[in-house]
Amino acid sequence: MNDDNTLALLYEGINLIFNKWTILRLAVTNNWGGINSEEKKKKLIDYVHNFVTNNNAKNKLCDYLRDEMSVLFNVDIEDDSDIEIADLILDLYQNLKKKNYDILEKIKNIQVYDISCSQEKNLIQTYENEDEENMDDDYSSSSDNEYSNEESSDKE
C-alpha cells in the first residue's frame, strides 16, 4: 500500500539520511567512486528506495548497503554505520506508511559531522607542502654544512 506521496517522501528521507551519513559523504567528497561519485550516490538512493519498497528485512538492507558501498565506492564499512542507516531507513518507511511525517523532521535535525578535515585533497596537499618544506630544510642544512666545511678547510 504505497501511495505516490509516501514513495516521494521515502526518497526525500533516504536522500536526507545519506546526506548525513559520514562515510558516504567522505566517499562522495573525495571521489572514492571516481569522478562520477555524486551520480553513484544518486543511483544508490534509487537502489535503496526500490529495495526498501520491495523488501523490509533489516539484515538484508544492511547487507545490501554494505555490498553497494563496496562496489560503488570501494568502501569497507567497519563502524557498523550501515546497521544504523538501515534501521533509520526502515523506521522512516514504516512511519511514512502510517502517515507519521514527524520522522522527517527528526532526520533533518540529526547532527552532521564536519568532514572538511578528512578530505583527501587537504591531506595530500598538506603532505606535499610538508614534504617540500622538509626538502628545503634538508637542502639548506646540507648546503650550510658544505659551506662551513669549505670555510674550515680554507682556514687550515
Foldseek 3Di string as FASTA:
>chain_A
DDDPVLLVVLLVLLVLLLVQPVVLVQLQLQVLQHPCSVVLVVVVSVVLSVCCVVDLDLVVQLVVVQVSCCVRRVDHDDPSVSSVSSVLSSVSSVCVVVVNPVSSVVSNPDDHDDCPVVHPVVVVVVVVVVVVVVVVVVVVVVVVVVVVVVVVVVVD
